[in-house]
Amino acid sequence: MRRNFPLGEPIRLSRYQFQARQAERYRDGRILLAGDAAHLFPATGVGLNAGMLDTVNLAWKPAADIHGWAPSGLLDTYHHERHFAGARTMLHIQAQVALRRGPLCAGSVLGDG
């Protein structure tokens, strides 16, 4: 650009951008979402753990349904159980990011700003 820009001392430098998403529904008819298809969390360990817990919760339910020993509505329990857990994880991650960023950015991360 061939211009000098006056820069002061940096307060904080980061290329990190907070991105966290959760699907509205984990089940829609015959489609079931788990792991990164159901939610995206910025903290790698947290996202991996949530995805593994989704899979553990979901793995046996279609088999039970296919083999005929599942109670009525068993597949519907997957959304209710894991969506709540995903929402709780999302709240924890937002709090962690707000603490890491400090008080000036906390409001925007937690949805207050």
PDB file of N, CA and C in Angstrom:
ATOM      1  N   MET A   1       0.822  -1.172   0.000  1.00  0.00           N
ATOM      2  CA  MET A   1       0.000   0.000   0.000  1.00  0.00           C
ATOM      3  C   MET A   1       0.875   1.248   0.000  1.00  0.00           C
ATOM      4  N   ARG A   2       2.126   1.101   0.325  1.00  0.00           N
ATOM      5  CA  ARG A   2       3.078   2.206   0.284  1.00  0.00           C
ATOM      6  C   ARG A   2       2.682   3.391   1.145  1.00  0.00           C
ATOM      7  N   ARG A   3       2.076   3.095   2.272  1.00  0.00           N
ATOM      8  CA  ARG A   3       1.721   4.145   3.218  1.00  0.00           C
ATOM      9  C   ARG A   3       2.164   3.707   4.599  1.00  0.00           C
ATOM     10  N   ASN A   4       2.513   4.640   5.385  1.00  0.00           N
ATOM     11  CA  ASN A   4       2.832   4.367   6.777  1.00  0.00           C
ATOM     12  C   ASN A   4       1.585   4.618   7.614  1.00  0.00           C
ATOM     13  N   PHE A   5       1.235   3.631   8.394  1.00  0.00           N
ATOM     14  CA  PHE A   5       0.089   3.762   9.284  1.00  0.00           C
ATOM     15  C   PHE A   5       0.612   3.857  10.707  1.00  0.00           C
ATOM     16  N   PRO A   6       0.181   4.850  11.444  1.00  0.00           N
ATOM     17  CA  PRO A   6       0.649   4.968  12.831  1.00  0.00           C
ATOM     18  C   PRO A   6       0.012   3.866  13.679  1.00  0.00           C
ATOM     19  N   LEU A   7       0.872   3.054  14.266  1.00  0.00           N
ATOM     20  CA  LEU A   7       0.391   1.964  15.113  1.00  0.00           C
ATOM     21  C   LEU A   7       0.906   2.157  16.523  1.00  0.00           C
ATOM     22  N   GLY A   8       0.047   1.933  17.485  1.00  0.00           N
ATOM     23  CA  GLY A   8       0.466   1.968  18.877  1.00  0.00           C
ATOM     24  C   GLY A   8       0.855   0.566  19.319  1.00  0.00           C
ATOM     25  N   GLU A   9       1.019   0.410  20.590  1.00  0.00           N
ATOM     26  CA  GLU A   9       1.338  -0.901  21.136  1.00  0.00           C
ATOM     27  C   GLU A   9       0.094  -1.797  21.040  1.00  0.00           C
ATOM     28  N   PRO A  10       0.256  -2.999  20.509  1.00  0.00           N
ATOM     29  CA  PRO A  10      -0.909  -3.881  20.412  1.00  0.00           C
ATOM     30  C   PRO A  10      -1.408  -4.296  21.796  1.00  0.00           C
ATOM     31  N   ILE A  11      -2.704  -4.316  21.942  1.00  0.00           N
ATOM     32  CA  ILE A  11      -3.322  -4.781  23.184  1.00  0.00           C
ATOM     33  C   ILE A  11      -3.491  -6.293  23.113  1.00  0.00           C
ATOM     34  N   ARG A  12      -3.896  -6.760  21.976  1.00  0.00           N
ATOM     35  CA  ARG A  12      -4.117  -8.186  21.786  1.00  0.00           C
ATOM     36  C   ARG A  12      -4.050  -8.478  20.302  1.00  0.00           C
ATOM     37  N   LEU A  13      -3.320  -9.514  19.922  1.00  0.00           N
ATOM     38  CA  LEU A  13      -3.244  -9.928  18.531  1.00  0.00           C
ATOM     39  C   LEU A  13      -3.759 -11.348  18.408  1.00  0.00           C
ATOM     40  N   SER A  14      -4.670 -11.564  17.486  1.00  0.00           N
ATOM     41  CA  SER A  14      -5.202 -12.908  17.304  1.00  0.00           C
ATOM     42  C   SER A  14      -5.893 -13.001  15.955  1.00  0.00           C
ATOM     43  N   ARG A  15      -5.771 -14.151  15.330  1.00  0.00           N
ATOM     44  CA  ARG A  15      -6.531 -14.422  14.113  1.00  0.00           C
ATOM     45  C   ARG A  15      -7.725 -15.296  14.432  1.00  0.00           C
ATOM     46  N   TYR A  16      -7.878 -15.638  15.686  1.00  0.00           N
ATOM     47  CA  TYR A  16      -8.967 -16.498  16.132  1.00  0.00           C
ATOM     48  C   TYR A  16     -10.299 -15.780  15.977  1.00  0.00           C
ATOM     49  N   GLN A  17     -11.270 -16.496  15.503  1.00  0.00           N
ATOM     50  CA  GLN A  17     -12.621 -15.964  15.380  1.00  0.00           C
ATOM     51  C   GLN A  17     -13.570 -16.979  15.990  1.00  0.00           C
ATOM     52  N   PHE A  18     -14.373 -16.549  16.929  1.00  0.00           N
ATOM     53  CA  PHE A  18     -15.286 -17.467  17.603  1.00  0.00           C
ATOM     54  C   PHE A  18     -16.359 -17.940  16.631  1.00  0.00           C
ATOM     55  N   GLN A  19     -16.435 -19.245  16.472  1.00  0.00           N
ATOM     56  CA  GLN A  19     -17.497 -19.841  15.666  1.00  0.00           C
ATOM     57  C   GLN A  19     -18.013 -21.067  16.398  1.00  0.00           C
ATOM     58  N   ALA A  20     -19.259 -21.066  16.699  1.00  0.00           N
ATOM     59  CA  ALA A  20     -19.898 -22.215  17.337  1.00  0.00           C
ATOM     60  C   ALA A  20     -21.320 -22.290  16.798  1.00  0.00           C
ATOM     61  N   ARG A  21     -21.697 -23.487  16.414  1.00  0.00           N
ATOM     62  CA  ARG A  21     -23.033 -23.675  15.827  1.00  0.00           C
ATOM     63  C   ARG A  21     -23.640 -24.969  16.346  1.00  0.00           C
ATOM     64  N   GLN A  22     -24.957 -24.996  16.337  1.00  0.00           N
ATOM     65  CA  GLN A  22     -25.674 -26.208  16.715  1.00  0.00           C
ATOM     66  C   GLN A  22     -26.886 -26.345  15.805  1.00  0.00           C
ATOM     67  N   ALA A  23     -27.084 -27.553  15.293  1.00  0.00           N
ATOM     68  CA  ALA A  23     -28.243 -27.808  14.449  1.00  0.00           C
ATOM     69  C   ALA A  23     -29.521 -27.656  15.267  1.00  0.00           C
ATOM     70  N   GLU A  24     -30.551 -27.170  14.624  1.00  0.00           N
ATOM     71  CA  GLU A  24     -31.832 -26.997  15.308  1.00  0.00           C
ATOM     72  C   GLU A  24     -32.420 -28.344  15.726  1.00  0.00           C
ATOM     73  N   ARG A  25     -32.267 -29.336  14.852  1.00  0.00           N
ATOM     74  CA  ARG A  25     -32.781 -30.683  15.136  1.00  0.00           C
ATOM     75  C   ARG A  25     -31.681 -31.704  14.850  1.00  0.00           C
ATOM     76  N   TYR A  26     -31.551 -32.680  15.733  1.00  0.00           N
ATOM     77  CA  TYR A  26     -30.592 -33.760  15.508  1.00  0.00           C
ATOM     78  C   TYR A  26     -31.244 -34.932  14.770  1.00  0.00           C
ATOM     79  N   ARG A  27     -32.562 -34.891  14.676  1.00  0.00           N
ATOM     80  CA  ARG A  27     -33.273 -35.916  13.913  1.00  0.00           C
ATOM     81  C   ARG A  27     -34.360 -35.258  13.085  1.00  0.00           C
ATOM     82  N   ASP A  28     -34.431 -35.680  11.823  1.00  0.00           N
ATOM     83  CA  ASP A  28     -35.508 -35.254  10.938  1.00  0.00           C
ATOM     84  C   ASP A  28     -35.879 -36.469  10.105  1.00  0.00           C
ATOM     85  N   GLY A  29     -36.927 -37.141  10.515  1.00  0.00           N
ATOM     86  CA  GLY A  29     -37.331 -38.368   9.821  1.00  0.00           C
ATOM     87  C   GLY A  29     -36.270 -39.444   9.974  1.00  0.00           C
ATOM     88  N   ARG A  30     -35.748 -39.888   8.832  1.00  0.00           N
ATOM     89  CA  ARG A  30     -34.742 -40.961   8.845  1.00  0.00           C
ATOM     90  C   ARG A  30     -33.311 -40.436   8.943  1.00  0.00           C
ATOM     91  N   ILE A  31     -33.147 -39.125   9.028  1.00  0.00           N
ATOM     92  CA  ILE A  31     -31.811 -38.531   9.099  1.00  0.00           C
ATOM     93  C   ILE A  31     -31.480 -38.196  10.546  1.00  0.00           C
ATOM     94  N   LEU A  32     -30.325 -38.674  10.998  1.00  0.00           N
ATOM     95  CA  LEU A  32     -29.836 -38.421  12.348  1.00  0.00           C
ATOM     96  C   LEU A  32     -28.466 -37.756  12.245  1.00  0.00           C
ATOM     97  N   LEU A  33     -28.273 -36.671  12.977  1.00  0.00           N
ATOM     98  CA  LEU A  33     -26.993 -35.948  12.966  1.00  0.00           C
ATOM     99  C   LEU A  33     -26.227 -36.229  14.250  1.00  0.00           C
ATOM    100  N   ALA A  34     -24.917 -36.386  14.116  1.00  0.00           N
ATOM    101  CA  ALA A  34     -24.054 -36.586  15.283  1.00  0.00           C
ATOM    102  C   ALA A  34     -22.731 -35.880  15.038  1.00  0.00           C
ATOM    103  N   GLY A  35     -22.027 -35.565  16.101  1.00  0.00           N
ATOM    104  CA  GLY A  35     -20.690 -34.984  15.995  1.00  0.00           C
ATOM    105  C   GLY A  35     -20.706 -33.642  15.287  1.00  0.00           C
ATOM    106  N   ASP A  36     -19.717 -33.431  14.408  1.00  0.00           N
ATOM    107  CA  ASP A  36     -19.581 -32.137  13.736  1.00  0.00           C
ATOM    108  C   ASP A  36     -20.750 -31.826  12.805  1.00  0.00           C
ATOM    109  N   ALA A  37     -21.527 -32.812  12.413  1.00  0.00           N
ATOM    110  CA  ALA A  37     -22.722 -32.544  11.613  1.00  0.00           C
ATOM    111  C   ALA A  37     -23.812 -31.913  12.477  1.00  0.00           C
ATOM    112  N   ALA A  38     -23.815 -32.203  13.768  1.00  0.00           N
ATOM    113  CA  ALA A  38     -24.836 -31.680  14.680  1.00  0.00           C
ATOM    114  C   ALA A  38     -24.413 -30.387  15.350  1.00  0.00           C
ATOM    115  N   HIS A  39     -23.104 -30.239  15.562  1.00  0.00           N
ATOM    116  CA  HIS A  39     -22.613 -29.057  16.272  1.00  0.00           C
ATOM    117  C   HIS A  39     -21.164 -28.803  15.911  1.00  0.00           C
ATOM    118  N   LEU A  40     -20.779 -27.542  16.002  1.00  0.00           N
ATOM    119  CA  LEU A  40     -19.405 -27.129  15.748  1.00  0.00           C
ATOM    120  C   LEU A  40     -18.967 -26.276  16.925  1.00  0.00           C
ATOM    121  N   PHE A  41     -17.928 -26.745  17.614  1.00  0.00           N
ATOM    122  CA  PHE A  41     -17.395 -26.022  18.756  1.00  0.00           C
ATOM    123  C   PHE A  41     -15.948 -25.654  18.464  1.00  0.00           C
ATOM    124  N   PRO A  42     -15.497 -24.469  18.908  1.00  0.00           N
ATOM    125  CA  PRO A  42     -14.129 -24.054  18.598  1.00  0.00           C
ATOM    126  C   PRO A  42     -13.062 -24.798  19.385  1.00  0.00           C
ATOM    127  N   ALA A  43     -13.369 -25.321  20.548  1.00  0.00           N
ATOM    128  CA  ALA A  43     -12.377 -26.016  21.362  1.00  0.00           C
ATOM    129  C   ALA A  43     -12.300 -27.482  20.900  1.00  0.00           C
ATOM    130  N   THR A  44     -11.155 -27.908  20.416  1.00  0.00           N
ATOM    131  CA  THR A  44     -11.040 -29.221  19.783  1.00  0.00           C
ATOM    132  C   THR A  44     -11.398 -30.371  20.710  1.00  0.00           C
ATOM    133  N   GLY A  45     -10.888 -30.380  21.917  1.00  0.00           N
ATOM    134  CA  GLY A  45     -11.187 -31.479  22.832  1.00  0.00           C
ATOM    135  C   GLY A  45     -12.659 -31.550  23.178  1.00  0.00           C
ATOM    136  N   VAL A  46     -13.264 -30.394  23.374  1.00  0.00           N
ATOM    137  CA  VAL A  46     -14.682 -30.349  23.725  1.00  0.00           C
ATOM    138  C   VAL A  46     -15.532 -30.884  22.567  1.00  0.00           C
ATOM    139  N   GLY A  47     -15.211 -30.467  21.353  1.00  0.00           N
ATOM    140  CA  GLY A  47     -15.955 -30.933  20.188  1.00  0.00           C
ATOM    141  C   GLY A  47     -15.810 -32.429  19.980  1.00  0.00           C
ATOM    142  N   LEU A  48     -14.616 -32.947  20.178  1.00  0.00           N
ATOM    143  CA  LEU A  48     -14.379 -34.380  20.038  1.00  0.00           C
ATOM    144  C   LEU A  48     -15.160 -35.153  21.088  1.00  0.00           C
ATOM    145  N   ASN A  49     -15.123 -34.698  22.320  1.00  0.00           N
ATOM    146  CA  ASN A  49     -15.864 -35.371  23.387  1.00  0.00           C
ATOM    147  C   ASN A  49     -17.369 -35.355  23.121  1.00  0.00           C
ATOM    148  N   ALA A  50     -17.892 -34.210  22.708  1.00  0.00           N
ATOM    149  CA  ALA A  50     -19.330 -34.119  22.437  1.00  0.00           C
ATOM    150  C   ALA A  50     -19.722 -35.045  21.293  1.00  0.00           C
ATOM    151  N   GLY A  51     -18.905 -35.105  20.251  1.00  0.00           N
ATOM    152  CA  GLY A  51     -19.188 -35.990  19.131  1.00  0.00           C
ATOM    153  C   GLY A  51     -19.157 -37.458  19.518  1.00  0.00           C
ATOM    154  N   MET A  52     -18.200 -37.818  20.359  1.00  0.00           N
ATOM    155  CA  MET A  52     -18.127 -39.203  20.814  1.00  0.00           C
ATOM    156  C   MET A  52     -19.337 -39.565  21.668  1.00  0.00           C
ATOM    157  N   LEU A  53     -19.768 -38.640  22.526  1.00  0.00           N
ATOM    158  CA  LEU A  53     -20.942 -38.907  23.350  1.00  0.00           C
ATOM    159  C   LEU A  53     -22.212 -38.985  22.501  1.00  0.00           C
ATOM    160  N   ASP A  54     -22.303 -38.174  21.441  1.00  0.00           N
ATOM    161  CA  ASP A  54     -23.421 -38.295  20.498  1.00  0.00           C
ATOM    162  C   ASP A  54     -23.450 -39.705  19.919  1.00  0.00           C
ATOM    163  N   THR A  55     -22.292 -40.170  19.486  1.00  0.00           N
ATOM    164  CA  THR A  55     -22.202 -41.473  18.833  1.00  0.00           C
ATOM    165  C   THR A  55     -22.549 -42.603  19.792  1.00  0.00           C
ATOM    166  N   VAL A  56     -22.064 -42.531  21.012  1.00  0.00           N
ATOM    167  CA  VAL A  56     -22.389 -43.558  22.005  1.00  0.00           C
ATOM    168  C   VAL A  56     -23.888 -43.589  22.249  1.00  0.00           C
ATOM    169  N   ASN A  57     -24.499 -42.411  22.367  1.00  0.00           N
ATOM    170  CA  ASN A  57     -25.940 -42.334  22.604  1.00  0.00           C
ATOM    171  C   ASN A  57     -26.730 -42.884  21.422  1.00  0.00           C
ATOM    172  N   LEU A  58     -26.233 -42.643  20.234  1.00  0.00           N
ATOM    173  CA  LEU A  58     -26.982 -42.999  19.027  1.00  0.00           C
ATOM    174  C   LEU A  58     -26.697 -44.401  18.510  1.00  0.00           C
ATOM    175  N   ALA A  59     -25.535 -44.944  18.754  1.00  0.00           N
ATOM    176  CA  ALA A  59     -25.097 -46.169  18.089  1.00  0.00           C
ATOM    177  C   ALA A  59     -26.054 -47.347  18.254  1.00  0.00           C
ATOM    178  N   TRP A  60     -26.554 -47.570  19.418  1.00  0.00           N
ATOM    179  CA  TRP A  60     -27.378 -48.753  19.655  1.00  0.00           C
ATOM    180  C   TRP A  60     -28.863 -48.539  19.331  1.00  0.00           C
ATOM    181  N   LYS A  61     -29.310 -47.307  19.242  1.00  0.00           N
ATOM    182  CA  LYS A  61     -30.738 -47.039  19.068  1.00  0.00           C
ATOM    183  C   LYS A  61     -31.283 -47.486  17.708  1.00  0.00           C
ATOM    184  N   PRO A  62     -30.612 -47.171  16.579  1.00  0.00           N
ATOM    185  CA  PRO A  62     -31.126 -47.692  15.301  1.00  0.00           C
ATOM    186  C   PRO A  62     -31.089 -49.222  15.244  1.00  0.00           C
ATOM    187  N   ALA A  63     -30.061 -49.833  15.830  1.00  0.00           N
ATOM    188  CA  ALA A  63     -29.988 -51.297  15.840  1.00  0.00           C
ATOM    189  C   ALA A  63     -31.171 -51.878  16.602  1.00  0.00           C
ATOM    190  N   ALA A  64     -31.505 -51.290  17.737  1.00  0.00           N
ATOM    191  CA  ALA A  64     -32.647 -51.754  18.523  1.00  0.00           C
ATOM    192  C   ALA A  64     -33.935 -51.599  17.733  1.00  0.00           C
ATOM    193  N   ASP A  65     -34.053 -50.500  17.008  1.00  0.00           N
ATOM    194  CA  ASP A  65     -35.248 -50.259  16.195  1.00  0.00           C
ATOM    195  C   ASP A  65     -35.344 -51.262  15.050  1.00  0.00           C
ATOM    196  N   ILE A  66     -34.230 -51.494  14.368  1.00  0.00           N
ATOM    197  CA  ILE A  66     -34.212 -52.431  13.237  1.00  0.00           C
ATOM    198  C   ILE A  66     -34.531 -53.852  13.694  1.00  0.00           C
ATOM    199  N   HIS A  67     -33.993 -54.246  14.827  1.00  0.00           N
ATOM    200  CA  HIS A  67     -34.192 -55.616  15.328  1.00  0.00           C
ATOM    201  C   HIS A  67     -35.496 -55.790  16.096  1.00  0.00           C
ATOM    202  N   GLY A  68     -36.244 -54.702  16.274  1.00  0.00           N
ATOM    203  CA  GLY A  68     -37.582 -54.808  16.837  1.00  0.00           C
ATOM    204  C   GLY A  68     -37.673 -54.833  18.349  1.00  0.00           C
ATOM    205  N   TRP A  69     -36.614 -54.584  19.067  1.00  0.00           N
ATOM    206  CA  TRP A  69     -36.709 -54.592  20.522  1.00  0.00           C
ATOM    207  C   TRP A  69     -36.666 -53.193  21.135  1.00  0.00           C
ATOM    208  N   ALA A  70     -36.752 -52.174  20.288  1.00  0.00           N
ATOM    209  CA  ALA A  70     -36.778 -50.797  20.784  1.00  0.00           C
ATOM    210  C   ALA A  70     -38.195 -50.405  21.184  1.00  0.00           C
ATOM    211  N   PRO A  71     -38.337 -49.712  22.312  1.00  0.00           N
ATOM    212  CA  PRO A  71     -39.665 -49.192  22.643  1.00  0.00           C
ATOM    213  C   PRO A  71     -40.056 -48.094  21.653  1.00  0.00           C
ATOM    214  N   SER A  72     -41.326 -47.835  21.562  1.00  0.00           N
ATOM    215  CA  SER A  72     -41.819 -46.801  20.665  1.00  0.00           C
ATOM    216  C   SER A  72     -41.200 -45.447  21.014  1.00  0.00           C
ATOM    217  N   GLY A  73     -40.707 -44.727  20.001  1.00  0.00           N
ATOM    218  CA  GLY A  73     -40.152 -43.401  20.208  1.00  0.00           C
ATOM    219  C   GLY A  73     -38.698 -43.378  20.652  1.00  0.00           C
ATOM    220  N   LEU A  74     -38.022 -44.524  20.663  1.00  0.00           N
ATOM    221  CA  LEU A  74     -36.636 -44.550  21.128  1.00  0.00           C
ATOM    222  C   LEU A  74     -35.734 -43.633  20.311  1.00  0.00           C
ATOM    223  N   LEU A  75     -35.889 -43.623  18.991  1.00  0.00           N
ATOM    224  CA  LEU A  75     -35.033 -42.761  18.164  1.00  0.00           C
ATOM    225  C   LEU A  75     -35.277 -41.285  18.446  1.00  0.00           C
ATOM    226  N   ASP A  76     -36.484 -40.937  18.858  1.00  0.00           N
ATOM    227  CA  ASP A  76     -36.771 -39.541  19.204  1.00  0.00           C
ATOM    228  C   ASP A  76     -36.031 -39.093  20.466  1.00  0.00           C
ATOM    229  N   THR A  77     -35.665 -40.024  21.341  1.00  0.00           N
ATOM    230  CA  THR A  77     -34.962 -39.647  22.569  1.00  0.00           C
ATOM    231  C   THR A  77     -33.566 -39.109  22.267  1.00  0.00           C
ATOM    232  N   TYR A  78     -32.995 -39.513  21.125  1.00  0.00           N
ATOM    233  CA  TYR A  78     -31.654 -39.054  20.774  1.00  0.00           C
ATOM    234  C   TYR A  78     -31.597 -37.532  20.702  1.00  0.00           C
ATOM    235  N   HIS A  79     -32.533 -36.914  19.977  1.00  0.00           N
ATOM    236  CA  HIS A  79     -32.522 -35.445  19.856  1.00  0.00           C
ATOM    237  C   HIS A  79     -32.640 -34.787  21.228  1.00  0.00           C
ATOM    238  N   HIS A  80     -33.595 -35.210  22.012  1.00  0.00           N
ATOM    239  CA  HIS A  80     -33.836 -34.565  23.302  1.00  0.00           C
ATOM    240  C   HIS A  80     -32.625 -34.691  24.235  1.00  0.00           C
ATOM    241  N   GLU A  81     -32.009 -35.851  24.253  1.00  0.00           N
ATOM    242  CA  GLU A  81     -30.875 -36.075  25.150  1.00  0.00           C
ATOM    243  C   GLU A  81     -29.628 -35.325  24.690  1.00  0.00           C
ATOM    244  N   ARG A  82     -29.275 -35.435  23.427  1.00  0.00           N
ATOM    245  CA  ARG A  82     -28.015 -34.871  22.955  1.00  0.00           C
ATOM    246  C   ARG A  82     -28.112 -33.396  22.587  1.00  0.00           C
ATOM    247  N   HIS A  83     -29.275 -32.899  22.160  1.00  0.00           N
ATOM    248  CA  HIS A  83     -29.413 -31.479  21.846  1.00  0.00           C
ATOM    249  C   HIS A  83     -29.227 -30.650  23.117  1.00  0.00           C
ATOM    250  N   PHE A  84     -29.808 -31.106  24.197  1.00  0.00           N
ATOM    251  CA  PHE A  84     -29.632 -30.411  25.477  1.00  0.00           C
ATOM    252  C   PHE A  84     -28.155 -30.406  25.874  1.00  0.00           C
ATOM    253  N   ALA A  85     -27.484 -31.541  25.732  1.00  0.00           N
ATOM    254  CA  ALA A  85     -26.056 -31.625  26.064  1.00  0.00           C
ATOM    255  C   ALA A  85     -25.236 -30.699  25.165  1.00  0.00           C
ATOM    256  N   GLY A  86     -25.593 -30.615  23.889  1.00  0.00           N
ATOM    257  CA  GLY A  86     -24.901 -29.708  22.967  1.00  0.00           C
ATOM    258  C   GLY A  86     -25.098 -28.251  23.349  1.00  0.00           C
ATOM    259  N   ALA A  87     -26.315 -27.898  23.740  1.00  0.00           N
ATOM    260  CA  ALA A  87     -26.601 -26.516  24.161  1.00  0.00           C
ATOM    261  C   ALA A  87     -25.819 -26.166  25.420  1.00  0.00           C
ATOM    262  N   ARG A  88     -25.733 -27.103  26.343  1.00  0.00           N
ATOM    263  CA  ARG A  88     -24.970 -26.880  27.577  1.00  0.00           C
ATOM    264  C   ARG A  88     -23.482 -26.714  27.258  1.00  0.00           C
ATOM    265  N   THR A  89     -22.967 -27.541  26.358  1.00  0.00           N
ATOM    266  CA  THR A  89     -21.565 -27.430  25.954  1.00  0.00           C
ATOM    267  C   THR A  89     -21.313 -26.083  25.281  1.00  0.00           C
ATOM    268  N   MET A  90     -22.246 -25.641  24.454  1.00  0.00           N
ATOM    269  CA  MET A  90     -22.124 -24.349  23.782  1.00  0.00           C
ATOM    270  C   MET A  90     -22.016 -23.219  24.811  1.00  0.00           C
ATOM    271  N   LEU A  91     -22.829 -23.261  25.849  1.00  0.00           N
ATOM    272  CA  LEU A  91     -22.795 -22.238  26.886  1.00  0.00           C
ATOM    273  C   LEU A  91     -21.449 -22.250  27.618  1.00  0.00           C
ATOM    274  N   HIS A  92     -20.936 -23.426  27.910  1.00  0.00           N
ATOM    275  CA  HIS A  92     -19.629 -23.519  28.576  1.00  0.00           C
ATOM    276  C   HIS A  92     -18.529 -22.937  27.695  1.00  0.00           C
ATOM    277  N   ILE A  93     -18.566 -23.234  26.419  1.00  0.00           N
ATOM    278  CA  ILE A  93     -17.539 -22.732  25.507  1.00  0.00           C
ATOM    279  C   ILE A  93     -17.614 -21.215  25.384  1.00  0.00           C
ATOM    280  N   GLN A  94     -18.815 -20.679  25.309  1.00  0.00           N
ATOM    281  CA  GLN A  94     -18.968 -19.221  25.242  1.00  0.00           C
ATOM    282  C   GLN A  94     -18.382 -18.567  26.492  1.00  0.00           C
ATOM    283  N   ALA A  95     -18.601 -19.179  27.649  1.00  0.00           N
ATOM    284  CA  ALA A  95     -18.047 -18.632  28.889  1.00  0.00           C
ATOM    285  C   ALA A  95     -16.521 -18.711  28.876  1.00  0.00           C
ATOM    286  N   GLN A  96     -15.965 -19.825  28.389  1.00  0.00           N
ATOM    287  CA  GLN A  96     -14.511 -19.966  28.321  1.00  0.00           C
ATOM    288  C   GLN A  96     -13.899 -18.908  27.404  1.00  0.00           C
ATOM    289  N   VAL A  97     -14.533 -18.682  26.265  1.00  0.00           N
ATOM    290  CA  VAL A  97     -14.015 -17.687  25.317  1.00  0.00           C
ATOM    291  C   VAL A  97     -14.112 -16.292  25.926  1.00  0.00           C
ATOM    292  N   ALA A  98     -15.210 -16.001  26.602  1.00  0.00           N
ATOM    293  CA  ALA A  98     -15.367 -14.688  27.232  1.00  0.00           C
ATOM    294  C   ALA A  98     -14.294 -14.466  28.289  1.00  0.00           C
ATOM    295  N   LEU A  99     -13.986 -15.487  29.084  1.00  0.00           N
ATOM    296  CA  LEU A  99     -12.937 -15.359  30.094  1.00  0.00           C
ATOM    297  C   LEU A  99     -11.574 -15.158  29.443  1.00  0.00           C
ATOM    298  N   ARG A 100     -11.331 -15.867  28.357  1.00  0.00           N
ATOM    299  CA  ARG A 100     -10.051 -15.756  27.664  1.00  0.00           C
ATOM    300  C   ARG A 100      -9.882 -14.376  27.041  1.00  0.00           C
ATOM    301  N   ARG A 101     -10.953 -13.822  26.498  1.00  0.00           N
ATOM    302  CA  ARG A 101     -10.877 -12.531  25.806  1.00  0.00           C
ATOM    303  C   ARG A 101     -10.860 -11.354  26.761  1.00  0.00           C
ATOM    304  N   GLY A 102     -11.426 -11.525  27.918  1.00  0.00           N
ATOM    305  CA  GLY A 102     -11.460 -10.440  28.879  1.00  0.00           C
ATOM    306  C   GLY A 102     -12.782  -9.703  28.862  1.00  0.00           C
ATOM    307  N   PRO A 103     -12.942  -8.766  29.778  1.00  0.00           N
ATOM    308  CA  PRO A 103     -14.236  -8.110  29.957  1.00  0.00           C
ATOM    309  C   PRO A 103     -14.700  -7.275  28.781  1.00  0.00           C
ATOM    310  N   LEU A 104     -13.800  -6.781  27.953  1.00  0.00           N
ATOM    311  CA  LEU A 104     -14.224  -5.927  26.839  1.00  0.00           C
ATOM    312  C   LEU A 104     -14.973  -6.705  25.761  1.00  0.00           C
ATOM    313  N   CYS A 105     -14.640  -7.968  25.585  1.00  0.00           N
ATOM    314  CA  CYS A 105     -15.280  -8.782  24.536  1.00  0.00           C
ATOM    315  C   CYS A 105     -16.312  -9.748  25.092  1.00  0.00           C
ATOM    316  N   ALA A 106     -16.422  -9.889  26.381  1.00  0.00           N
ATOM    317  CA  ALA A 106     -17.289 -10.906  26.963  1.00  0.00           C
ATOM    318  C   ALA A 106     -18.739 -10.735  26.534  1.00  0.00           C
ATOM    319  N   GLY A 107     -19.230  -9.508  26.496  1.00  0.00           N
ATOM    320  CA  GLY A 107     -20.615  -9.287  26.126  1.00  0.00           C
ATOM    321  C   GLY A 107     -20.964  -9.779  24.752  1.00  0.00           C
ATOM    322  N   SER A 108     -20.077  -9.559  23.784  1.00  0.00           N
ATOM    323  CA  SER A 108     -20.374  -9.995  22.412  1.00  0.00           C
ATOM    324  C   SER A 108     -20.351 -11.509  22.297  1.00  0.00           C
ATOM    325  N   VAL A 109     -19.453 -12.174  23.017  1.00  0.00           N
ATOM    326  CA  VAL A 109     -19.365 -13.627  22.954  1.00  0.00           C
ATOM    327  C   VAL A 109     -20.573 -14.261  23.625  1.00  0.00           C
ATOM    328  N   LEU A 110     -21.003 -13.693  24.726  1.00  0.00           N
ATOM    329  CA  LEU A 110     -22.140 -14.260  25.470  1.00  0.00           C
ATOM    330  C   LEU A 110     -23.483 -13.777  24.925  1.00  0.00           C
ATOM    331  N   GLY A 111     -23.473 -12.985  23.888  1.00  0.00           N
ATOM    332  CA  GLY A 111     -24.714 -12.545  23.266  1.00  0.00           C
ATOM    333  C   GLY A 111     -25.309 -11.304  23.882  1.00  0.00           C
ATOM    334  N   ASP A 112     -24.571 -10.612  24.737  1.00  0.00           N
ATOM    335  CA  ASP A 112     -25.091  -9.409  25.381  1.00  0.00           C
ATOM    336  C   ASP A 112     -24.711  -8.131  24.647  1.00  0.00           C
ATOM    337  N   GLY A 113     -23.807  -8.257  23.690  1.00  0.00           N
ATOM    338  CA  GLY A 113     -23.323  -7.017  23.067  1.00  0.00           C
ATOM    339  C   GLY A 113     -23.625  -6.887  21.624  1.00  0.00           C
TER     340      GLY A 113
END
